[in-house]
Protein backbone atom coordinates (compact mmCIF):
# COMPACT_ATOMS: atom_id res chain seq x y z
CA MET A 1 136.23 -134.86 -39.93
CA LYS A 2 132.73 -133.50 -40.47
CA LYS A 3 130.73 -135.28 -43.10
CA LEU A 4 128.17 -134.00 -45.57
CA PHE A 5 126.69 -137.13 -47.08
CA PRO A 6 125.78 -137.17 -50.78
CA ILE A 7 122.24 -136.15 -51.54
CA LEU A 8 121.42 -139.57 -52.90
CA ALA A 9 123.57 -142.30 -51.42
CA VAL A 10 122.00 -145.14 -53.38
CA LEU A 11 123.94 -148.17 -52.29
CA ALA A 12 122.22 -150.99 -54.14
CA LEU A 13 124.89 -153.59 -54.79
CA ILE A 14 125.38 -155.23 -58.16
CA GLY A 15 126.11 -158.93 -58.32
CA THR A 16 126.70 -161.19 -55.36
CA ALA A 17 126.91 -159.31 -52.06
CA CYS A 18 128.54 -160.43 -48.86
CA GLN A 19 125.63 -161.60 -46.69
CA LEU A 20 125.51 -161.14 -42.93
CA GLY A 21 122.61 -163.53 -42.56
CA GLY A 22 120.29 -165.82 -44.51
CA SER A 23 118.31 -165.12 -47.65
CA ALA A 24 114.69 -165.18 -46.49
CA GLN A 25 112.24 -164.07 -49.15
CA PRO A 26 110.60 -160.69 -48.53
CA THR A 27 106.86 -160.38 -48.20
CA PRO A 28 104.86 -157.98 -50.38
CA ILE A 29 104.55 -154.40 -49.15
CA PRO A 30 102.32 -151.57 -50.35
CA ALA A 31 103.32 -149.18 -53.09
CA VAL A 32 105.27 -146.04 -52.16
CA THR A 33 103.08 -143.44 -50.53
CA ALA A 34 103.26 -139.69 -51.16
CA PHE A 35 106.37 -138.05 -49.77
CA PRO A 36 105.70 -136.86 -46.19
CA THR A 37 105.61 -133.18 -45.41
CA ASN A 38 108.46 -131.41 -43.66
CA ALA A 39 106.24 -130.55 -40.71
CA ILE A 40 107.36 -131.59 -37.23
CA ASN A 41 106.96 -130.10 -33.78
CA LEU A 42 110.22 -128.30 -33.08
CA ASN A 43 109.14 -126.94 -29.71
CA PRO A 44 108.76 -129.93 -27.39
CA THR A 45 108.30 -128.14 -24.09
CA ALA A 46 105.75 -130.24 -22.23
CA ALA A 47 107.23 -132.48 -19.57
CA PRO A 48 105.87 -136.02 -19.06
CA GLY A 49 103.52 -136.42 -16.15
CA GLY A 50 104.04 -138.73 -13.21
CA ASN A 51 107.05 -139.35 -11.03
CA GLN A 52 109.08 -141.77 -13.10
CA ALA A 53 112.61 -142.61 -12.06
CA ALA A 54 115.47 -141.70 -14.37
CA GLY A 55 116.08 -144.56 -16.77
CA SER A 56 112.71 -146.22 -16.19
CA THR A 57 111.15 -147.85 -19.23
CA ARG A 58 107.84 -148.34 -20.97
CA ASN A 59 106.77 -150.15 -24.14
CA SER A 60 105.33 -148.45 -27.21
CA ASN A 61 102.76 -149.86 -29.60
CA ASP A 62 105.36 -150.31 -32.34
CA GLY A 63 107.43 -152.61 -30.10
CA MET A 64 109.99 -150.01 -29.03
CA THR A 65 111.20 -149.71 -25.45
CA GLU A 66 111.31 -146.06 -24.36
CA ILE A 67 113.52 -144.70 -21.58
CA TYR A 68 112.55 -141.84 -19.30
CA ILE A 69 114.96 -138.90 -19.23
CA PRO A 70 114.24 -136.60 -16.27
CA THR A 71 114.35 -132.84 -16.03
CA GLY A 72 117.93 -131.78 -15.49
CA THR A 73 120.89 -129.64 -16.48
CA PHE A 74 123.79 -130.99 -18.49
CA THR A 75 126.82 -129.78 -20.43
CA GLN A 76 126.30 -129.74 -24.19
CA GLY A 77 129.19 -129.47 -26.62
CA GLY A 78 132.76 -130.62 -27.09
CA LEU A 79 134.92 -130.97 -23.98
CA ASP A 80 137.69 -133.24 -25.25
CA PRO A 81 140.82 -132.60 -27.36
CA ASN A 82 138.99 -133.63 -30.54
CA ALA A 83 136.28 -130.98 -30.12
CA THR A 84 135.74 -128.93 -33.27
CA GLN A 85 134.61 -125.34 -33.65
CA ASP A 86 130.94 -126.14 -34.24
CA GLU A 87 130.88 -128.02 -30.92
CA LYS A 88 131.91 -124.88 -29.02
CA PRO A 89 131.40 -123.30 -26.65
CA ALA A 90 130.49 -126.13 -24.32
CA HIS A 91 127.60 -124.78 -22.27
CA LYS A 92 125.08 -125.68 -19.60
CA VAL A 93 121.59 -126.52 -20.86
CA THR A 94 118.47 -127.26 -18.80
CA MET A 95 116.11 -129.85 -20.26
CA HIS A 96 112.50 -130.71 -19.59
CA ALA A 97 111.75 -134.39 -19.02
CA TYR A 98 110.98 -136.60 -22.00
CA TRP A 99 111.13 -140.19 -23.26
CA ILE A 100 113.58 -141.48 -25.88
CA ASP A 101 113.79 -144.79 -27.71
CA LYS A 102 116.22 -147.22 -26.12
CA PHE A 103 117.31 -148.46 -29.56
CA ASP A 104 117.33 -147.30 -33.15
CA VAL A 105 114.10 -148.03 -35.02
CA THR A 106 114.45 -151.47 -36.60
CA ASN A 107 113.56 -152.84 -40.00
CA ALA A 108 110.63 -154.79 -38.53
CA MET A 109 109.25 -151.71 -36.78
CA TYR A 110 109.57 -149.58 -39.90
CA LEU A 111 107.90 -152.26 -42.01
CA GLN A 112 104.80 -151.94 -39.81
CA CYS A 113 104.52 -148.29 -40.81
CA VAL A 114 105.08 -149.08 -44.49
CA SER A 115 102.46 -151.82 -44.35
CA ALA A 116 100.02 -149.37 -42.74
CA GLY A 117 100.53 -146.98 -45.67
CA ALA A 118 101.90 -144.25 -43.41
CA CYS A 119 105.57 -144.48 -44.42
CA ASN A 120 107.49 -144.75 -47.64
CA PRO A 121 109.70 -147.82 -47.92
CA PRO A 122 113.40 -147.07 -47.52
CA GLN A 123 114.80 -145.40 -50.62
CA SER A 124 116.97 -148.52 -51.14
CA PHE A 125 116.48 -151.98 -49.60
CA SER A 126 120.24 -152.57 -49.37
CA SER A 127 122.62 -152.07 -46.48
CA LYS A 128 126.33 -151.57 -47.04
CA THR A 129 126.93 -155.24 -47.92
CA VAL A 130 123.50 -156.88 -48.07
CA THR A 131 121.21 -156.46 -51.06
CA ASN A 132 117.98 -157.65 -49.41
CA TYR A 133 118.46 -156.03 -46.02
CA PHE A 134 114.99 -154.48 -45.62
CA ASN A 135 111.83 -156.63 -45.57
CA ASN A 136 113.95 -159.69 -44.75
CA LYS A 137 113.20 -161.50 -41.49
CA ASP A 138 116.89 -162.24 -40.95
CA TYR A 139 117.43 -158.51 -40.41
CA ASN A 140 114.25 -157.68 -38.52
CA ASP A 141 116.20 -156.53 -35.46
CA TYR A 142 118.77 -154.45 -37.34
CA PRO A 143 118.41 -150.67 -37.65
CA VAL A 144 116.47 -149.45 -40.65
CA VAL A 145 118.71 -147.44 -42.99
CA GLN A 146 118.38 -145.66 -46.35
CA VAL A 147 115.67 -143.40 -44.91
CA THR A 148 115.52 -139.65 -45.45
CA TRP A 149 114.86 -137.10 -42.72
CA GLY A 150 111.28 -136.90 -43.98
CA ASP A 151 110.91 -140.68 -43.81
CA ALA A 152 112.15 -140.69 -40.22
CA ALA A 153 109.87 -137.83 -39.21
CA ALA A 154 106.87 -139.58 -40.79
CA TYR A 155 107.59 -142.79 -38.90
CA CYS A 156 107.89 -141.04 -35.54
CA LYS A 157 104.61 -139.22 -36.18
CA TRP A 158 102.87 -142.50 -37.08
CA ALA A 159 104.25 -144.09 -33.90
CA GLY A 160 102.91 -141.22 -31.74
CA ARG A 161 106.34 -139.79 -31.14
CA ARG A 162 108.69 -137.35 -32.92
CA LEU A 163 112.34 -136.96 -33.78
CA PRO A 164 114.44 -135.89 -30.79
CA THR A 165 116.15 -132.53 -30.74
CA GLU A 166 119.93 -132.51 -30.85
CA ALA A 167 119.99 -131.41 -27.20
CA GLU A 168 117.66 -134.23 -26.18
CA TRP A 169 119.81 -136.73 -28.03
CA GLU A 170 122.98 -135.44 -26.39
CA TYR A 171 121.48 -135.33 -22.89
CA ALA A 172 120.26 -138.93 -23.28
CA ALA A 173 123.76 -139.94 -24.39
CA ARG A 174 125.77 -138.02 -21.77
CA GLY A 175 123.50 -137.49 -18.80
CA THR A 176 124.88 -135.02 -16.27
CA THR A 177 128.44 -136.26 -16.81
CA ILE A 178 131.05 -134.67 -19.06
CA ASN A 179 131.74 -137.98 -20.80
CA THR A 180 133.24 -138.06 -24.26
CA TYR A 181 131.36 -141.28 -25.08
CA PRO A 182 128.10 -142.64 -23.69
CA TRP A 183 129.94 -145.09 -21.41
CA GLY A 184 132.59 -142.64 -20.18
CA ASN A 185 135.95 -141.36 -21.35
CA ASP A 186 137.67 -144.65 -22.12
CA ALA A 187 138.49 -145.13 -25.78
CA PRO A 188 135.92 -147.17 -27.71
CA ASP A 189 136.57 -150.83 -28.41
CA ASN A 190 134.63 -153.69 -29.94
CA THR A 191 132.81 -154.44 -26.69
CA ARG A 192 131.21 -150.99 -26.60
CA ALA A 193 130.45 -150.01 -30.19
CA ASN A 194 130.31 -151.06 -33.83
CA PHE A 195 132.79 -148.59 -35.37
CA ASN A 196 135.96 -148.20 -37.44
CA SER A 197 134.80 -150.77 -40.05
CA ALA A 198 135.42 -153.63 -37.61
CA VAL A 199 132.20 -155.32 -38.73
CA GLY A 200 131.74 -153.58 -42.06
CA ASP A 201 127.97 -153.18 -41.77
CA THR A 202 125.25 -152.71 -39.20
CA THR A 203 124.73 -154.98 -36.22
CA LYS A 204 121.54 -155.88 -34.36
CA VAL A 205 120.26 -153.10 -32.13
CA GLY A 206 121.31 -153.52 -28.52
CA SER A 207 124.37 -155.62 -29.38
CA PHE A 208 126.70 -153.51 -27.22
CA PRO A 209 125.23 -153.24 -23.69
CA ALA A 210 128.65 -152.16 -22.37
CA GLY A 211 128.23 -148.99 -24.42
CA ALA A 212 125.06 -147.87 -22.63
CA SER A 213 124.60 -144.22 -21.67
CA PRO A 214 124.13 -143.17 -18.02
CA PHE A 215 120.35 -143.52 -18.55
CA GLY A 216 120.66 -146.92 -20.18
CA VAL A 217 120.12 -145.79 -23.78
CA LEU A 218 121.91 -148.05 -26.26
CA ASP A 219 123.60 -147.62 -29.64
CA MET A 220 124.37 -143.93 -29.20
CA ALA A 221 127.87 -144.41 -30.60
CA GLY A 222 128.57 -146.24 -33.84
CA ASN A 223 126.38 -148.63 -35.84
CA VAL A 224 124.31 -145.94 -37.64
CA TYR A 225 124.03 -142.18 -37.56
CA GLN A 226 120.69 -140.94 -36.26
CA TRP A 227 118.59 -138.13 -37.65
CA VAL A 228 117.51 -135.46 -35.16
CA SER A 229 115.00 -132.70 -35.74
CA ASP A 230 117.39 -129.73 -35.78
CA PHE A 231 118.55 -127.76 -38.77
CA TYR A 232 122.34 -127.52 -38.74
CA ASP A 233 124.01 -124.22 -37.85
CA ALA A 234 127.73 -124.29 -37.11
CA ASN A 235 127.36 -121.26 -34.81
CA TYR A 236 124.21 -122.31 -32.97
CA TYR A 237 125.93 -122.99 -29.65
CA SER A 238 127.19 -119.41 -29.51
CA LYS A 239 123.60 -118.09 -29.47
CA GLY A 240 123.26 -118.93 -25.79
CA VAL A 241 120.03 -120.95 -25.77
CA VAL A 242 120.07 -122.54 -22.33
CA LEU A 243 116.54 -123.93 -21.87
CA ASN A 244 115.35 -126.90 -23.90
CA PRO A 245 117.03 -125.82 -27.17
CA THR A 246 115.33 -126.96 -30.37
CA GLY A 247 117.92 -125.77 -32.87
CA PRO A 248 117.60 -122.96 -35.43
CA THR A 249 114.02 -121.98 -36.21
CA ALA A 250 114.82 -121.96 -39.93
CA ARG A 251 117.42 -123.35 -42.27
CA THR A 252 120.61 -121.42 -42.96
CA ASN A 253 121.91 -121.47 -46.53
CA PHE A 254 120.75 -125.00 -47.29
CA PHE A 255 118.62 -127.76 -45.81
CA GLY A 256 121.24 -129.38 -43.58
CA ARG A 257 119.97 -131.47 -40.66
CA VAL A 258 122.10 -132.70 -37.78
CA ILE A 259 122.91 -136.40 -37.53
CA LYS A 260 124.36 -137.86 -34.35
CA GLY A 261 126.26 -140.86 -33.07
CA GLY A 262 128.59 -141.95 -35.85
CA SER A 263 128.40 -145.18 -37.84
CA PHE A 264 129.97 -148.59 -38.27
CA GLN A 265 132.60 -147.03 -40.56
CA ASP A 266 133.63 -144.10 -38.37
CA VAL A 267 136.75 -143.73 -36.28
CA ALA A 268 136.73 -143.03 -32.54
CA ALA A 269 136.77 -139.23 -32.89
CA ASP A 270 133.63 -139.31 -35.01
CA ILE A 271 131.51 -141.39 -32.62
CA ARG A 272 131.96 -138.91 -29.77
CA ILE A 273 128.74 -137.60 -28.20
CA ALA A 274 129.49 -134.01 -29.16
CA ASN A 275 130.24 -134.65 -32.84
CA ARG A 276 127.86 -132.68 -35.11
CA PRO A 277 127.84 -133.95 -38.69
CA GLN A 278 125.08 -132.94 -41.05
CA ALA A 279 123.21 -134.39 -43.99
CA LEU A 280 120.66 -132.84 -46.31
CA GLY A 281 117.08 -132.83 -45.18
CA PRO A 282 114.21 -132.52 -47.63
CA ASN A 283 113.45 -129.35 -49.58
CA PRO A 284 109.64 -129.29 -49.93
CA ASP A 285 109.89 -126.49 -52.50
CA ALA A 286 111.96 -128.56 -54.92
CA GLN A 287 110.48 -130.62 -57.73
CA GLN A 288 108.64 -133.58 -56.25
CA GLY A 289 110.70 -136.75 -56.43
CA SER A 290 113.95 -134.90 -57.14
CA ALA A 291 117.15 -135.41 -55.18
CA ALA A 292 116.73 -132.05 -53.45
CA TYR A 293 113.12 -132.82 -52.56
CA LEU A 294 114.06 -136.09 -50.85
CA GLY A 295 117.35 -135.14 -49.23
CA THR A 296 120.04 -137.57 -48.15
CA PHE A 297 119.56 -141.27 -47.57
CA ASP A 298 122.43 -143.58 -46.80
CA ALA A 299 123.32 -147.08 -45.59
CA LYS A 300 124.89 -145.45 -42.52
CA ILE A 301 121.90 -143.34 -41.40
CA GLY A 302 118.93 -144.48 -39.30
CA PHE A 303 117.01 -142.82 -36.46
CA ARG A 304 115.26 -143.11 -33.13
CA CYS A 305 112.24 -141.22 -31.78
CA ALA A 306 111.36 -139.26 -28.65
CA SER A 307 108.13 -138.33 -26.86
CA ASP A 308 106.96 -135.66 -24.46
CA ASN A 309 104.45 -137.77 -22.52
């Protein structure tokens, strides 16, 4: 089932929460900065230089490992019995080369940006079951959550990268196969993904190496949804964009943005590569600080970044 998350999914827990780790005291962080603008490059057409091998890696200044995704043609869209109308028609798409983060951005990485004054803190410091999830060393290597689309875009810009397009995300997850899941067509289980409420909250990034994509990208199914740059349009695949698609050039009737990958709560059908849920992105024309201005944030949504060179 497609999901439209609430505009403000404030999940701060009252009383004693079930802890997944210790109770380290957070360190001070700067005050909230101004809300980032909605601006992002939606036309990533430059291919990385050099002759890198598919799946080769490099390290970024924020501590992220990036994986090289080569120029190639792949099949985008739903190919399995659970495919829904907005995943059709499945179609061939040619992509320029790019880099994508191997993991979701972590709490520790995001804290660097907050401490530098370039990012807002998460809209809530809680995860699904942990009240002091962010700015807590016990969860440094867990995916940051409770961030809006604007928060994610601001982080990627600060890190010298950007949000991936939906097509880039899907190519990194599927490669040139027609796999239903990053690892193949076998049904997911607890060795490949954090899904179906088996854990009940997030897990450390990279905890499921058996769930790697053909390029070696991890955590593309389950754990947390991931923001991508595209506005959501249920009919976008029928428009026939076959070269490096970047999604609709403008919003449709509201500020929906695509989220990919499914979460720790989702069933197998919803962590398929082709699944296309949406959540509200920011509306820069709304009253500053309002729910519409911020857009959705949720304990099940994080992000990763991409780069052209």
